[in-house]
Amino acid sequence: MSRHDIRLKRAYAPASDDDGIRLLVDRVWPRGVSKQKIAIQAWLKDIAPSTELRQWFGHVPERWEEFRKRYAHELDANPEAVAELRKWLKQGRVTLVYGARDEERNQAVALRDYLLS
């Protein structure tokens, strides 16, 4: 399987030239970030965890592993959204943009791991 160049970056961090294609992978727009500042090529709302799953997780570290499993099940059940993201990956480096504060346990991390597995 081909290895994709997938990077992760908070929506609040400045965009840079080496980000490649920037895709927002949150269901809700990050608070206080303008469309100009976020500099994304697309907003893939449908690839984000369901509202129910996001609220259940609540960025509670003890729920991380279970969140990853549940989110993978949602992704398995959503082949159209995954296929759309894979089309972007064929074009080169992709940076998954997210709003969460926790840079180690968030949906972009889980999504990257899902795509690379």
Protein backbone atom coordinates (compact mmCIF):
# COMPACT_ATOMS: atom_id res chain seq x y z
CA MET A 1 0.00 0.00 0.00
CA SER A 2 1.23 3.48 -0.78
CA ARG A 3 2.35 5.60 2.13
CA HIS A 4 0.66 8.95 2.16
CA ASP A 5 2.25 12.17 3.39
CA ILE A 6 -0.32 13.19 5.99
CA ARG A 7 0.38 15.99 8.41
CA LEU A 8 -1.71 17.41 11.23
CA LYS A 9 -2.09 21.02 12.28
CA ARG A 10 -4.35 22.98 14.59
CA ALA A 11 -6.63 25.48 12.89
CA TYR A 12 -5.09 28.18 15.11
CA ALA A 13 -1.54 27.57 13.85
CA PRO A 14 -0.49 29.61 10.82
CA ALA A 15 -0.67 27.95 7.41
CA SER A 16 2.67 27.35 5.72
CA ASP A 17 3.77 26.55 2.19
CA ASP A 18 4.88 23.03 3.14
CA ASP A 19 1.39 22.09 4.39
CA GLY A 20 0.37 21.01 0.91
CA ILE A 21 -3.40 20.55 0.63
CA ARG A 22 -5.13 21.77 3.81
CA LEU A 23 -8.37 20.00 4.71
CA LEU A 24 -10.54 20.88 7.70
CA VAL A 25 -11.73 17.61 9.27
CA ASP A 26 -14.00 19.04 12.01
CA ARG A 27 -17.80 18.96 11.93
CA VAL A 28 -17.95 22.47 13.41
CA TRP A 29 -15.96 25.51 12.27
CA PRO A 30 -13.13 26.38 14.73
CA ARG A 31 -14.11 29.35 16.89
CA GLY A 32 -12.64 32.68 15.97
CA VAL A 33 -10.78 31.52 12.85
CA SER A 34 -11.46 33.37 9.60
CA LYS A 35 -11.70 31.64 6.23
CA GLN A 36 -8.63 33.60 5.12
CA LYS A 37 -6.53 32.59 8.12
CA ILE A 38 -7.44 28.91 8.00
CA ALA A 39 -6.48 28.71 4.29
CA ILE A 40 -8.12 25.35 3.56
CA GLN A 41 -8.82 23.79 0.18
CA ALA A 42 -11.89 21.94 1.48
CA TRP A 43 -13.99 21.40 4.60
CA LEU A 44 -14.71 17.67 4.92
CA LYS A 45 -17.49 17.82 7.52
CA ASP A 46 -18.73 14.33 6.66
CA ILE A 47 -15.40 12.67 7.58
CA ALA A 48 -15.59 14.09 11.12
CA PRO A 49 -16.89 12.04 14.04
CA SER A 50 -20.64 12.20 14.60
CA THR A 51 -21.87 14.87 16.99
CA GLU A 52 -22.90 12.10 19.41
CA LEU A 53 -19.43 10.52 19.37
CA ARG A 54 -17.66 13.87 19.67
CA GLN A 55 -19.79 14.86 22.66
CA TRP A 56 -19.34 11.46 24.32
CA PHE A 57 -15.54 11.65 23.91
CA GLY A 58 -15.33 15.22 25.21
CA HIS A 59 -11.51 14.95 24.96
CA VAL A 60 -11.44 12.83 28.12
CA PRO A 61 -8.05 11.02 27.88
CA GLU A 62 -9.46 7.81 29.44
CA ARG A 63 -11.96 7.57 26.56
CA TRP A 64 -9.33 7.91 23.80
CA GLU A 65 -8.91 4.24 22.85
CA GLU A 66 -12.66 3.63 22.81
CA PHE A 67 -13.14 6.84 20.80
CA ARG A 68 -10.65 5.60 18.20
CA LYS A 69 -12.53 2.29 17.85
CA ARG A 70 -15.93 3.94 17.59
CA TYR A 71 -14.66 6.53 15.10
CA ALA A 72 -13.10 3.77 12.95
CA HIS A 73 -16.52 2.06 12.88
CA GLU A 74 -18.11 5.32 11.75
CA LEU A 75 -15.49 5.68 9.02
CA ASP A 76 -16.05 2.07 7.90
CA ALA A 77 -19.76 2.90 7.58
CA ASN A 78 -19.03 6.08 5.59
CA PRO A 79 -17.12 4.94 2.47
CA GLU A 80 -18.10 8.02 0.42
CA ALA A 81 -16.40 10.44 2.82
CA VAL A 82 -13.31 8.22 3.08
CA ALA A 83 -13.14 7.94 -0.73
CA GLU A 84 -13.35 11.74 -1.05
CA LEU A 85 -10.43 12.16 1.36
CA ARG A 86 -8.41 9.47 -0.46
CA LYS A 87 -8.83 11.46 -3.72
CA TRP A 88 -7.12 14.41 -2.06
CA LEU A 89 -4.33 12.13 -0.77
CA LYS A 90 -3.51 11.06 -4.35
CA GLN A 91 -2.59 14.68 -5.12
CA GLY A 92 0.31 14.83 -2.68
CA ARG A 93 0.93 16.05 0.84
CA VAL A 94 -2.21 16.68 2.87
CA THR A 95 -2.49 18.50 6.18
CA LEU A 96 -5.53 17.57 8.25
CA VAL A 97 -6.62 20.74 10.04
CA TYR A 98 -8.51 20.47 13.35
CA GLY A 99 -9.61 22.72 16.17
CA ALA A 100 -9.00 20.56 19.26
CA ARG A 101 -6.53 21.75 21.92
CA ASP A 102 -5.17 18.26 22.58
CA GLU A 103 -2.63 17.64 19.82
CA GLU A 104 -2.15 13.94 20.67
CA ARG A 105 -5.74 12.78 21.17
CA ASN A 106 -8.14 14.24 18.60
CA GLN A 107 -10.09 13.10 15.55
CA ALA A 108 -7.34 14.17 13.11
CA VAL A 109 -4.86 11.82 14.85
CA ALA A 110 -7.40 8.99 14.77
CA LEU A 111 -8.25 9.73 11.13
CA ARG A 112 -4.59 9.75 10.05
CA ASP A 113 -3.99 6.44 11.82
CA TYR A 114 -7.11 4.98 10.16
CA LEU A 115 -5.95 6.09 6.70
CA LEU A 116 -2.43 4.70 7.21
CA SER A 117 -3.55 1.34 8.62
